[in-house]
Amino acid sequence: ALEIDIGQISIKGKTNEGLGPLGRGEAVEAL
């Protein structure tokens, strides 16, 4: 979609260690 090489993109998944809405599975956040 962005017309770039896959090596120009980094995606990391992080947990919220069970804390707050993110950790309880009530929300998802992206930066």
All heavy atoms as atom14 arrays in JSON, in Angstrom:
{
  "sequence": "ALEIDIGQISIKGKTNEGLGPLGRGEAVEAL",
  "atom14_mask": [
    [1, 1, 1, 1, 1, 0, 0, 0, 0, 0, 0, 0, 0, 0],
    [1, 1, 1, 1, 1, 1, 1, 1, 0, 0, 0, 0, 0, 0],
    [1, 1, 1, 1, 1, 1, 1, 1, 1, 0, 0, 0, 0, 0],
    [1, 1, 1, 1, 1, 1, 1, 1, 0, 0, 0, 0, 0, 0],
    [1, 1, 1, 1, 1, 1, 1, 1, 0, 0, 0, 0, 0, 0],
    [1, 1, 1, 1, 1, 1, 1, 1, 0, 0, 0, 0, 0, 0],
    [1, 1, 1, 1, 0, 0, 0, 0, 0, 0, 0, 0, 0, 0],
    [1, 1, 1, 1, 1, 1, 1, 1, 1, 0, 0, 0, 0, 0],
    [1, 1, 1, 1, 1, 1, 1, 1, 0, 0, 0, 0, 0, 0],
    [1, 1, 1, 1, 1, 1, 0, 0, 0, 0, 0, 0, 0, 0],
    [1, 1, 1, 1, 1, 1, 1, 1, 0, 0, 0, 0, 0, 0],
    [1, 1, 1, 1, 1, 1, 1, 1, 1, 0, 0, 0, 0, 0],
    [1, 1, 1, 1, 0, 0, 0, 0, 0, 0, 0, 0, 0, 0],
    [1, 1, 1, 1, 1, 1, 1, 1, 1, 0, 0, 0, 0, 0],
    [1, 1, 1, 1, 1, 1, 1, 0, 0, 0, 0, 0, 0, 0],
    [1, 1, 1, 1, 1, 1, 1, 1, 0, 0, 0, 0, 0, 0],
    [1, 1, 1, 1, 1, 1, 1, 1, 1, 0, 0, 0, 0, 0],
    [1, 1, 1, 1, 0, 0, 0, 0, 0, 0, 0, 0, 0, 0],
    [1, 1, 1, 1, 1, 1, 1, 1, 0, 0, 0, 0, 0, 0],
    [1, 1, 1, 1, 0, 0, 0, 0, 0, 0, 0, 0, 0, 0],
    [1, 1, 1, 1, 1, 1, 1, 0, 0, 0, 0, 0, 0, 0],
    [1, 1, 1, 1, 1, 1, 1, 1, 0, 0, 0, 0, 0, 0],
    [1, 1, 1, 1, 0, 0, 0, 0, 0, 0, 0, 0, 0, 0],
    [1, 1, 1, 1, 1, 1, 1, 1, 1, 1, 1, 0, 0, 0],
    [1, 1, 1, 1, 0, 0, 0, 0, 0, 0, 0, 0, 0, 0],
    [1, 1, 1, 1, 1, 1, 1, 1, 1, 0, 0, 0, 0, 0],
    [1, 1, 1, 1, 1, 0, 0, 0, 0, 0, 0, 0, 0, 0],
    [1, 1, 1, 1, 1, 1, 1, 0, 0, 0, 0, 0, 0, 0],
    [1, 1, 1, 1, 1, 1, 1, 1, 1, 0, 0, 0, 0, 0],
    [1, 1, 1, 1, 1, 0, 0, 0, 0, 0, 0, 0, 0, 0],
    [1, 1, 1, 1, 1, 1, 1, 1, 0, 0, 0, 0, 0, 0]
  ],
  "atom14_positions": [
    [[0.82, -1.22, 0.0], [0.0, 0.0, 0.0], [0.85, 1.26, 0.0], [0.48, 2.27, -0.6], [-0.93, 0.0, 1.21], [0.0, 0.0, 0.0], [0.0, 0.0, 0.0], [0.0, 0.0, 0.0], [0.0, 0.0, 0.0], [0.0, 0.0, 0.0], [0.0, 0.0, 0.0], [0.0, 0.0, 0.0], [0.0, 0.0, 0.0], [0.0, 0.0, 0.0]],
    [[2.0, 1.2, 0.67], [2.86, 2.38, 0.8], [4.01, 2.4, -0.21], [4.87, 3.28, -0.14], [3.4, 2.45, 2.23], [2.33, 2.63, 3.31], [2.92, 2.42, 4.7], [1.69, 4.01, 3.19], [0.0, 0.0, 0.0], [0.0, 0.0, 0.0], [0.0, 0.0, 0.0], [0.0, 0.0, 0.0], [0.0, 0.0, 0.0], [0.0, 0.0, 0.0]],
    [[4.0, 1.43, -1.11], [4.97, 1.37, -2.21], [6.42, 1.42, -1.71], [7.26, 2.14, -2.24], [4.71, 2.51, -3.2], [3.3, 2.48, -3.77], [2.94, 3.74, -4.55], [3.84, 4.53, -4.88], [1.74, 3.91, -4.83], [0.0, 0.0, 0.0], [0.0, 0.0, 0.0], [0.0, 0.0, 0.0], [0.0, 0.0, 0.0], [0.0, 0.0, 0.0]],
    [[6.68, 0.64, -0.66], [8.04, 0.54, -0.11], [8.4, -0.93, 0.06], [7.55, -1.82, -0.03], [8.18, 1.29, 1.23], [7.19, 0.77, 2.27], [8.05, 2.79, 1.03], [7.36, 1.39, 3.66], [0.0, 0.0, 0.0], [0.0, 0.0, 0.0], [0.0, 0.0, 0.0], [0.0, 0.0, 0.0], [0.0, 0.0, 0.0], [0.0, 0.0, 0.0]],
    [[9.66, -1.18, 0.34], [10.15, -2.53, 0.58], [9.73, -2.98, 1.98], [9.7, -2.17, 2.91], [11.68, -2.54, 0.45], [12.23, -3.94, 0.55], [12.12, -4.68, -0.44], [12.76, -4.29, 1.64], [0.0, 0.0, 0.0], [0.0, 0.0, 0.0], [0.0, 0.0, 0.0], [0.0, 0.0, 0.0], [0.0, 0.0, 0.0], [0.0, 0.0, 0.0]],
    [[9.45, -4.24, 2.12], [9.04, -4.78, 3.42], [10.09, -4.51, 4.5], [9.76, -4.35, 5.67], [8.7, -6.29, 3.31], [7.98, -6.77, 4.56], [9.94, -7.1, 3.03], [7.39, -8.16, 4.45], [0.0, 0.0, 0.0], [0.0, 0.0, 0.0], [0.0, 0.0, 0.0], [0.0, 0.0, 0.0], [0.0, 0.0, 0.0], [0.0, 0.0, 0.0]],
    [[11.36, -4.4, 4.11], [12.43, -4.12, 5.05], [12.4, -2.71, 5.62], [13.15, -2.4, 6.55], [0.0, 0.0, 0.0], [0.0, 0.0, 0.0], [0.0, 0.0, 0.0], [0.0, 0.0, 0.0], [0.0, 0.0, 0.0], [0.0, 0.0, 0.0], [0.0, 0.0, 0.0], [0.0, 0.0, 0.0], [0.0, 0.0, 0.0], [0.0, 0.0, 0.0]],
    [[11.53, -1.86, 5.09], [11.39, -0.5, 5.59], [10.3, -0.38, 6.65], [10.02, 0.71, 7.13], [11.09, 0.46, 4.43], [12.24, 0.59, 3.45], [11.83, 1.34, 2.21], [11.45, 0.76, 1.2], [11.88, 2.66, 2.29], [0.0, 0.0, 0.0], [0.0, 0.0, 0.0], [0.0, 0.0, 0.0], [0.0, 0.0, 0.0], [0.0, 0.0, 0.0]],
    [[9.71, -1.53, 7.01], [8.61, -1.54, 7.98], [8.96, -2.45, 9.15], [9.42, -3.58, 8.96], [7.3, -2.04, 7.33], [6.9, -1.12, 6.18], [6.19, -2.13, 8.37], [5.69, -1.59, 5.42], [0.0, 0.0, 0.0], [0.0, 0.0, 0.0], [0.0, 0.0, 0.0], [0.0, 0.0, 0.0], [0.0, 0.0, 0.0], [0.0, 0.0, 0.0]],
    [[8.71, -1.95, 10.34], [8.87, -2.75, 11.55], [7.55, -2.75, 12.31], [6.97, -1.69, 12.54], [9.98, -2.15, 12.44], [10.02, -2.83, 13.67], [0.0, 0.0, 0.0], [0.0, 0.0, 0.0], [0.0, 0.0, 0.0], [0.0, 0.0, 0.0], [0.0, 0.0, 0.0], [0.0, 0.0, 0.0], [0.0, 0.0, 0.0], [0.0, 0.0, 0.0]],
    [[7.09, -3.93, 12.66], [5.86, -4.08, 13.44], [6.21, -4.9, 14.68], [6.79, -5.98, 14.57], [4.75, -4.84, 12.66], [4.44, -4.16, 11.32], [3.51, -5.04, 13.51], [3.67, -2.89, 11.41], [0.0, 0.0, 0.0], [0.0, 0.0, 0.0], [0.0, 0.0, 0.0], [0.0, 0.0, 0.0], [0.0, 0.0, 0.0], [0.0, 0.0, 0.0]],
    [[5.84, -4.38, 15.83], [6.11, -5.08, 17.08], [4.81, -5.22, 17.87], [4.06, -4.25, 17.97], [7.15, -4.32, 17.91], [8.48, -4.17, 17.18], [9.45, -3.3, 17.93], [9.08, -1.86, 17.99], [9.18, -1.09, 16.75], [0.0, 0.0, 0.0], [0.0, 0.0, 0.0], [0.0, 0.0, 0.0], [0.0, 0.0, 0.0], [0.0, 0.0, 0.0]],
    [[4.57, -6.38, 18.4], [3.43, -6.6, 19.27], [3.9, -6.59, 20.71], [4.9, -7.24, 21.05], [0.0, 0.0, 0.0], [0.0, 0.0, 0.0], [0.0, 0.0, 0.0], [0.0, 0.0, 0.0], [0.0, 0.0, 0.0], [0.0, 0.0, 0.0], [0.0, 0.0, 0.0], [0.0, 0.0, 0.0], [0.0, 0.0, 0.0], [0.0, 0.0, 0.0]],
    [[3.21, -5.85, 21.56], [3.54, -5.77, 22.98], [2.29, -6.05, 23.79], [1.18, -5.76, 23.36], [4.07, -4.37, 23.35], [5.31, -3.96, 22.6], [6.48, -4.82, 22.98], [7.74, -4.42, 22.23], [8.83, -5.32, 22.46], [0.0, 0.0, 0.0], [0.0, 0.0, 0.0], [0.0, 0.0, 0.0], [0.0, 0.0, 0.0], [0.0, 0.0, 0.0]],
    [[2.49, -6.6, 24.97], [1.36, -6.81, 25.87], [1.34, -5.7, 26.9], [2.29, -4.93, 27.03], [1.44, -8.16, 26.59], [2.53, -8.12, 27.52], [1.62, -9.31, 25.61], [0.0, 0.0, 0.0], [0.0, 0.0, 0.0], [0.0, 0.0, 0.0], [0.0, 0.0, 0.0], [0.0, 0.0, 0.0], [0.0, 0.0, 0.0], [0.0, 0.0, 0.0]],
    [[0.25, -5.63, 27.64], [0.14, -4.67, 28.73], [0.17, -5.41, 30.07], [-0.28, -4.88, 31.08], [-1.13, -3.83, 28.58], [-0.92, -2.39, 28.93], [0.12, -1.83, 28.6], [-1.88, -1.79, 29.61], [0.0, 0.0, 0.0], [0.0, 0.0, 0.0], [0.0, 0.0, 0.0], [0.0, 0.0, 0.0], [0.0, 0.0, 0.0], [0.0, 0.0, 0.0]],
    [[0.67, -6.65, 30.02], [0.87, -7.46, 31.22], [-0.4, -7.59, 32.06], [-0.34, -7.62, 33.29], [2.01, -6.9, 32.06], [3.35, -6.82, 31.34], [3.92, -8.18, 31.0], [3.71, -9.15, 31.77], [4.56, -8.29, 29.94], [0.0, 0.0, 0.0], [0.0, 0.0, 0.0], [0.0, 0.0, 0.0], [0.0, 0.0, 0.0], [0.0, 0.0, 0.0]],
    [[-1.55, -7.66, 31.4], [-2.81, -7.84, 32.1], [-3.33, -6.58, 32.79], [-4.35, -6.64, 33.47], [0.0, 0.0, 0.0], [0.0, 0.0, 0.0], [0.0, 0.0, 0.0], [0.0, 0.0, 0.0], [0.0, 0.0, 0.0], [0.0, 0.0, 0.0], [0.0, 0.0, 0.0], [0.0, 0.0, 0.0], [0.0, 0.0, 0.0], [0.0, 0.0, 0.0]],
    [[-2.66, -5.47, 32.61], [-3.05, -4.23, 33.29], [-3.96, -3.36, 32.44], [-3.75, -3.23, 31.23], [-1.8, -3.43, 33.66], [-0.82, -4.12, 34.59], [0.44, -3.29, 34.75], [-1.47, -4.38, 35.95], [0.0, 0.0, 0.0], [0.0, 0.0, 0.0], [0.0, 0.0, 0.0], [0.0, 0.0, 0.0], [0.0, 0.0, 0.0], [0.0, 0.0, 0.0]],
    [[-4.94, -2.75, 33.06], [-5.81, -1.78, 32.4], [-6.65, -2.39, 31.29], [-6.67, -3.61, 31.09], [0.0, 0.0, 0.0], [0.0, 0.0, 0.0], [0.0, 0.0, 0.0], [0.0, 0.0, 0.0], [0.0, 0.0, 0.0], [0.0, 0.0, 0.0], [0.0, 0.0, 0.0], [0.0, 0.0, 0.0], [0.0, 0.0, 0.0], [0.0, 0.0, 0.0]],
    [[-7.36, -1.53, 30.56], [-8.23, -2.0, 29.48], [-7.49, -2.79, 28.4], [-8.03, -3.74, 27.85], [-8.82, -0.71, 28.9], [-8.62, 0.33, 29.93], [-7.44, -0.08, 30.74], [0.0, 0.0, 0.0], [0.0, 0.0, 0.0], [0.0, 0.0, 0.0], [0.0, 0.0, 0.0], [0.0, 0.0, 0.0], [0.0, 0.0, 0.0], [0.0, 0.0, 0.0]],
    [[-6.25, -2.4, 28.1], [-5.48, -3.13, 27.09], [-5.16, -4.53, 27.58], [-5.26, -5.51, 26.84], [-4.19, -2.38, 26.75], [-4.38, -1.03, 26.06], [-3.09, -0.23, 26.08], [-4.88, -1.21, 24.65], [0.0, 0.0, 0.0], [0.0, 0.0, 0.0], [0.0, 0.0, 0.0], [0.0, 0.0, 0.0], [0.0, 0.0, 0.0], [0.0, 0.0, 0.0]],
    [[-4.77, -4.66, 28.83], [-4.41, -5.95, 29.39], [-5.6, -6.86, 29.63], [-5.47, -8.08, 29.63], [0.0, 0.0, 0.0], [0.0, 0.0, 0.0], [0.0, 0.0, 0.0], [0.0, 0.0, 0.0], [0.0, 0.0, 0.0], [0.0, 0.0, 0.0], [0.0, 0.0, 0.0], [0.0, 0.0, 0.0], [0.0, 0.0, 0.0], [0.0, 0.0, 0.0]],
    [[-6.77, -6.26, 29.83], [-7.99, -7.06, 30.05], [-8.69, -7.42, 28.74], [-9.76, -8.01, 28.76], [-8.95, -6.29, 30.95], [-8.5, -6.17, 32.39], [-9.61, -5.63, 33.29], [-10.09, -4.33, 32.86], [-9.63, -3.15, 33.3], [-8.67, -3.12, 34.17], [-10.16, -2.02, 32.86], [0.0, 0.0, 0.0], [0.0, 0.0, 0.0], [0.0, 0.0, 0.0]],
    [[-8.13, -7.04, 27.6], [-8.75, -7.36, 26.32], [-9.93, -6.48, 25.98], [-10.76, -6.84, 25.15], [0.0, 0.0, 0.0], [0.0, 0.0, 0.0], [0.0, 0.0, 0.0], [0.0, 0.0, 0.0], [0.0, 0.0, 0.0], [0.0, 0.0, 0.0], [0.0, 0.0, 0.0], [0.0, 0.0, 0.0], [0.0, 0.0, 0.0], [0.0, 0.0, 0.0]],
    [[-10.0, -5.3, 26.59], [-11.1, -4.38, 26.33], [-10.76, -3.36, 25.25], [-11.64, -2.64, 24.77], [-11.47, -3.63, 27.62], [-11.96, -4.55, 28.72], [-12.06, -3.84, 30.07], [-11.85, -2.6, 30.14], [-12.35, -4.53, 31.05], [0.0, 0.0, 0.0], [0.0, 0.0, 0.0], [0.0, 0.0, 0.0], [0.0, 0.0, 0.0], [0.0, 0.0, 0.0]],
    [[-9.48, -3.28, 24.88], [-9.05, -2.27, 23.91], [-7.78, -2.73, 23.22], [-7.09, -3.64, 23.7], [-8.83, -0.92, 24.61], [0.0, 0.0, 0.0], [0.0, 0.0, 0.0], [0.0, 0.0, 0.0], [0.0, 0.0, 0.0], [0.0, 0.0, 0.0], [0.0, 0.0, 0.0], [0.0, 0.0, 0.0], [0.0, 0.0, 0.0], [0.0, 0.0, 0.0]],
    [[-7.47, -2.07, 22.11], [-6.22, -2.28, 21.37], [-5.68, -0.9, 21.03], [-6.44, 0.02, 20.72], [-6.44, -3.14, 20.1], [-7.44, -2.51, 19.15], [-5.11, -3.42, 19.41], [0.0, 0.0, 0.0], [0.0, 0.0, 0.0], [0.0, 0.0, 0.0], [0.0, 0.0, 0.0], [0.0, 0.0, 0.0], [0.0, 0.0, 0.0], [0.0, 0.0, 0.0]],
    [[-4.35, -0.76, 21.11], [-3.7, 0.52, 20.85], [-2.58, 0.31, 19.84], [-1.95, -0.75, 19.82], [-3.12, 1.1, 22.14], [-2.46, 2.44, 21.98], [-1.96, 3.0, 23.3], [-1.73, 2.24, 24.26], [-1.8, 4.24, 23.36], [0.0, 0.0, 0.0], [0.0, 0.0, 0.0], [0.0, 0.0, 0.0], [0.0, 0.0, 0.0], [0.0, 0.0, 0.0]],
    [[-2.33, 1.3, 19.02], [-1.21, 1.25, 18.08], [-0.48, 2.59, 18.09], [-1.1, 3.64, 18.21], [-1.7, 0.94, 16.68], [0.0, 0.0, 0.0], [0.0, 0.0, 0.0], [0.0, 0.0, 0.0], [0.0, 0.0, 0.0], [0.0, 0.0, 0.0], [0.0, 0.0, 0.0], [0.0, 0.0, 0.0], [0.0, 0.0, 0.0], [0.0, 0.0, 0.0]],
    [[0.84, 2.5, 17.97], [1.7, 3.66, 17.85], [2.49, 3.5, 16.56], [2.89, 2.38, 16.22], [2.67, 3.75, 19.03], [2.07, 3.75, 20.42], [3.15, 3.55, 21.46], [1.32, 5.04, 20.66], [0.0, 0.0, 0.0], [0.0, 0.0, 0.0], [0.0, 0.0, 0.0], [0.0, 0.0, 0.0], [0.0, 0.0, 0.0], [0.0, 0.0, 0.0]]
  ]
}
